[in-house]
């Protein structure tokens, strides 16, 4: 099963990406997480950061004139969760390359904020406010293949 957790790419380059995931009640996994209090699962917040990092890795490989490598999540450090993301809200993810290791792994710093629209009594339009949903460091590594 594949979940697409990047709906919009706001910025993407070989060192940084900014993306948005719009959370809607139509997403099947929200029906069970949690009944009566639907929120984006924390593991999907992390996956949104990972999918944003893959965009950066693809841009890095193309900038070097190579074919994009297949990379997977290799590890997570200092991951912190903050606010819930509910249907009708968005998740704005930002990932930045921290370092590249000798084995080809790439360490990222990432954070995602909740995009909410709150109505002000004195304003006729909505104004977005930002709250941290998840932040931390994670490593993307090359897919290991079995050698027989």
Foldseek 3Di string as FASTA:
>chain_A
DDDDQFPAWPDEALFKTKGKGAAAPPDPVQCVCPPVFGFDDPVVLVVSQVVRVLRNQCRNQVVVVHHRADKDWDWWPPKDFDDTAHHVKMKMKMKGFPDADPQGKTKIWMWIWIWDWDDDPPDPGTDTDTDTGMTGMTIIHGDDDDDD
